[in-house]
N, C-alpha and C. Protein backbone atom coordinates (compact mmCIF):
# COMPACT_ATOMS: atom_id res chain seq x y z
N UNK A 1 0.86 -1.06 -0.01
CA UNK A 1 -0.02 0.03 -0.03
C UNK A 1 0.86 1.25 0.04
N UNK A 2 0.54 2.29 -0.81
CA UNK A 2 1.36 3.48 -0.99
C UNK A 2 0.60 4.59 -0.23
N UNK A 3 1.22 5.31 0.49
CA UNK A 3 0.56 6.39 1.34
C UNK A 3 1.21 7.77 0.99
N UNK A 4 0.34 8.72 0.85
CA UNK A 4 0.89 10.02 0.51
C UNK A 4 0.12 11.02 1.29
N UNK A 5 0.65 12.20 1.70
CA UNK A 5 0.02 13.23 2.49
C UNK A 5 -0.06 14.40 1.57
N UNK A 6 -1.35 14.91 1.20
CA UNK A 6 -1.42 16.14 0.47
C UNK A 6 -1.76 17.36 1.31
N UNK A 7 -0.98 18.29 1.10
CA UNK A 7 -1.25 19.65 1.74
C UNK A 7 -1.86 20.52 0.75
N UNK A 8 -2.95 20.96 1.11
CA UNK A 8 -3.81 21.72 0.01
C UNK A 8 -3.98 23.10 0.41
N UNK A 9 -3.72 24.03 -0.47
CA UNK A 9 -3.58 25.44 -0.34
C UNK A 9 -4.51 26.08 -1.39
N UNK A 10 -4.74 27.32 -1.27
CA UNK A 10 -5.33 28.15 -2.39
C UNK A 10 -4.18 29.18 -2.84
N UNK A 11 -3.97 29.51 -4.06
CA UNK A 11 -3.05 30.45 -4.53
C UNK A 11 -3.87 31.84 -4.24
N UNK A 12 -3.08 32.83 -4.73
CA UNK A 12 -3.83 34.31 -4.73
C UNK A 12 -5.08 34.42 -5.54
N UNK A 13 -5.24 33.56 -6.55
CA UNK A 13 -6.29 33.67 -7.39
C UNK A 13 -7.48 32.85 -6.89
N UNK A 14 -7.26 32.03 -5.78
CA UNK A 14 -8.29 31.24 -5.26
C UNK A 14 -8.36 29.81 -5.90
N UNK A 15 -7.22 29.46 -6.59
CA UNK A 15 -7.25 28.12 -7.29
C UNK A 15 -6.57 27.13 -6.25
N UNK A 16 -7.02 25.98 -6.15
CA UNK A 16 -6.20 24.97 -5.33
C UNK A 16 -4.85 24.60 -5.86
N UNK A 17 -3.89 24.45 -4.98
CA UNK A 17 -2.60 24.10 -5.16
C UNK A 17 -2.15 23.12 -4.16
N UNK A 18 -1.47 22.04 -4.46
CA UNK A 18 -1.21 21.00 -3.66
C UNK A 18 0.25 20.62 -3.60
N UNK A 19 0.72 20.38 -2.34
CA UNK A 19 2.11 19.81 -2.09
C UNK A 19 1.94 18.24 -1.82
N UNK A 20 2.50 17.34 -2.43
CA UNK A 20 2.30 16.00 -2.11
C UNK A 20 3.63 15.41 -1.66
N UNK A 21 3.45 14.81 -0.36
CA UNK A 21 4.61 14.13 0.30
C UNK A 21 4.43 12.57 0.29
N UNK A 22 5.43 12.02 -0.27
CA UNK A 22 5.41 10.55 -0.43
C UNK A 22 6.01 9.86 0.91
N UNK A 23 5.37 8.72 1.32
CA UNK A 23 5.78 8.07 2.50
C UNK A 23 5.89 8.96 3.69
N UNK A 24 4.87 9.69 3.97
CA UNK A 24 5.09 10.67 5.24
C UNK A 24 4.91 9.80 6.49
N UNK A 25 5.52 10.48 7.69
CA UNK A 25 5.24 10.05 8.88
C UNK A 25 3.92 10.40 9.28
N UNK A 26 3.31 9.74 10.27
CA UNK A 26 2.01 10.13 10.72
C UNK A 26 2.17 11.46 11.43
N UNK A 27 1.18 12.45 11.10
CA UNK A 27 1.29 13.75 11.88
C UNK A 27 -0.19 14.04 12.27
N UNK A 28 -0.39 14.77 13.24
CA UNK A 28 -1.72 15.28 13.88
C UNK A 28 -2.07 16.48 13.11
N UNK A 29 -3.36 16.98 13.32
CA UNK A 29 -3.96 18.14 12.74
C UNK A 29 -3.07 19.38 13.11
N UNK A 30 -2.59 19.54 14.32
CA UNK A 30 -2.03 20.68 14.81
C UNK A 30 -0.59 20.85 14.11
N UNK A 31 0.17 19.71 14.08
CA UNK A 31 1.46 19.71 13.39
C UNK A 31 1.23 20.13 11.85
N UNK A 32 0.30 19.55 11.10
CA UNK A 32 0.12 19.81 9.77
C UNK A 32 -0.13 21.35 9.69
N UNK A 33 -1.12 21.86 10.40
CA UNK A 33 -1.46 23.39 10.38
C UNK A 33 -0.23 24.08 10.64
N UNK A 34 0.54 23.83 11.57
CA UNK A 34 1.80 24.64 11.94
C UNK A 34 2.71 24.71 10.73
N UNK A 35 3.01 23.53 10.14
CA UNK A 35 3.95 23.51 9.04
C UNK A 35 3.44 24.26 7.81
N UNK A 36 2.02 24.02 7.53
CA UNK A 36 1.44 24.66 6.42
C UNK A 36 1.43 26.24 6.60
N UNK A 37 1.24 26.68 7.91
CA UNK A 37 1.28 28.09 8.13
C UNK A 37 2.53 28.77 7.94
N UNK A 38 3.63 27.86 8.23
CA UNK A 38 5.09 28.37 7.93
C UNK A 38 5.31 28.59 6.42
N UNK A 39 4.62 27.64 5.61
CA UNK A 39 4.74 27.85 4.15
C UNK A 39 4.04 28.91 3.69
N UNK A 40 2.88 29.35 4.17
CA UNK A 40 2.07 30.53 3.83
C UNK A 40 2.88 31.73 4.25
N UNK A 41 3.45 31.77 5.52
CA UNK A 41 4.06 32.98 6.01
C UNK A 41 5.45 33.19 5.42
N UNK A 42 6.08 32.12 4.77
CA UNK A 42 7.33 32.34 4.09
C UNK A 42 7.25 33.09 2.87
N UNK A 43 6.08 32.86 2.25
CA UNK A 43 5.74 33.58 0.94
C UNK A 43 6.91 33.52 -0.04
N UNK A 44 7.52 32.22 -0.31
CA UNK A 44 8.63 32.06 -1.18
C UNK A 44 8.34 31.26 -2.42
N UNK A 45 7.04 30.83 -2.57
CA UNK A 45 6.70 29.92 -3.62
C UNK A 45 5.85 30.68 -4.58
N UNK A 46 6.36 31.14 -5.75
CA UNK A 46 5.56 31.83 -6.62
C UNK A 46 5.88 31.40 -8.10
N UNK A 47 4.92 31.73 -8.95
CA UNK A 47 5.03 31.40 -10.35
C UNK A 47 4.31 32.59 -11.14
N UNK A 48 5.02 33.20 -11.83
CA UNK A 48 4.73 34.44 -12.69
C UNK A 48 4.13 35.54 -11.78
N UNK A 49 4.83 35.74 -10.61
CA UNK A 49 4.46 36.70 -9.61
C UNK A 49 3.29 36.33 -8.76
N UNK A 50 2.84 35.18 -8.85
CA UNK A 50 1.63 34.77 -8.02
C UNK A 50 1.98 33.90 -6.90
N UNK A 51 1.56 34.19 -5.68
CA UNK A 51 1.99 33.40 -4.65
C UNK A 51 1.10 31.97 -4.70
N UNK A 52 1.75 30.90 -4.64
CA UNK A 52 1.10 29.65 -5.04
C UNK A 52 0.45 29.10 -3.70
N UNK A 53 0.81 29.36 -2.52
CA UNK A 53 0.41 28.96 -1.36
C UNK A 53 -0.05 30.03 -0.40
N UNK A 54 -1.21 30.75 -0.71
CA UNK A 54 -1.55 31.89 -0.06
C UNK A 54 -2.45 31.63 1.17
N UNK A 55 -3.24 30.58 1.23
CA UNK A 55 -4.01 30.34 2.29
C UNK A 55 -4.21 28.74 2.44
N UNK A 56 -4.40 28.39 3.69
CA UNK A 56 -4.39 27.08 4.08
C UNK A 56 -5.93 26.36 3.71
N UNK A 57 -5.98 25.27 3.08
CA UNK A 57 -7.45 24.74 2.85
C UNK A 57 -7.51 23.43 3.75
N UNK A 58 -6.54 22.52 3.73
CA UNK A 58 -6.53 21.34 4.57
C UNK A 58 -5.41 20.37 4.15
N UNK A 59 -5.36 19.20 4.91
CA UNK A 59 -4.48 18.26 4.51
C UNK A 59 -5.12 16.85 4.71
N UNK A 60 -4.69 16.00 3.80
CA UNK A 60 -5.34 14.63 3.68
C UNK A 60 -4.34 13.65 3.44
N UNK A 61 -4.47 12.50 4.02
CA UNK A 61 -3.80 11.33 3.72
C UNK A 61 -4.52 10.48 2.61
N UNK A 62 -3.72 10.00 1.54
CA UNK A 62 -4.33 9.21 0.55
C UNK A 62 -3.57 7.88 0.56
N UNK A 63 -4.22 6.78 0.40
CA UNK A 63 -3.65 5.29 0.44
C UNK A 63 -4.14 4.84 -0.85
N UNK A 64 -3.09 4.05 -1.50
CA UNK A 64 -3.48 3.20 -2.77
C UNK A 64 -3.01 1.91 -2.59
N UNK A 65 -3.77 0.93 -3.07
CA UNK A 65 -3.26 -0.43 -2.91
C UNK A 65 -3.30 -1.03 -4.29
N UNK A 66 -2.24 -1.80 -4.59
CA UNK A 66 -2.28 -2.62 -5.76
C UNK A 66 -2.38 -4.06 -5.59
N UNK A 67 -2.98 -4.73 -6.49
CA UNK A 67 -3.23 -6.29 -6.41
C UNK A 67 -2.62 -6.79 -7.66
N UNK A 68 -1.41 -7.47 -7.62
CA UNK A 68 -0.90 -8.13 -8.74
C UNK A 68 -1.74 -9.20 -9.28
N UNK A 69 -1.89 -9.18 -10.68
CA UNK A 69 -2.63 -10.21 -11.37
C UNK A 69 -1.52 -11.47 -11.60
N UNK A 70 -0.38 -11.01 -12.21
CA UNK A 70 0.76 -11.87 -12.49
C UNK A 70 1.93 -11.23 -12.62
N UNK A 71 3.13 -11.92 -12.48
CA UNK A 71 4.34 -11.38 -12.71
C UNK A 71 5.04 -12.24 -13.83
N UNK A 72 5.50 -11.55 -14.87
CA UNK A 72 6.01 -12.33 -15.99
C UNK A 72 7.67 -12.21 -15.61
N UNK A 73 8.23 -13.56 -15.62
CA UNK A 73 9.65 -13.57 -15.29
C UNK A 73 10.39 -14.36 -16.27
């Protein structure tokens, strides 16, 4: 099973932007909010003059599982 943590923000235009962390440690809501607020406060991620991570939306874990059908060897 593969696990990722998605940190979801809105940019200055109100469009969702996401940071995806692969194989994350388990974190609680307070830790996620704190880290995300530091990203917002740093204001160092921009594209074409637009702040990509202007406001916090939320954080979610996603888990995917694969089931092999066969392996060709």
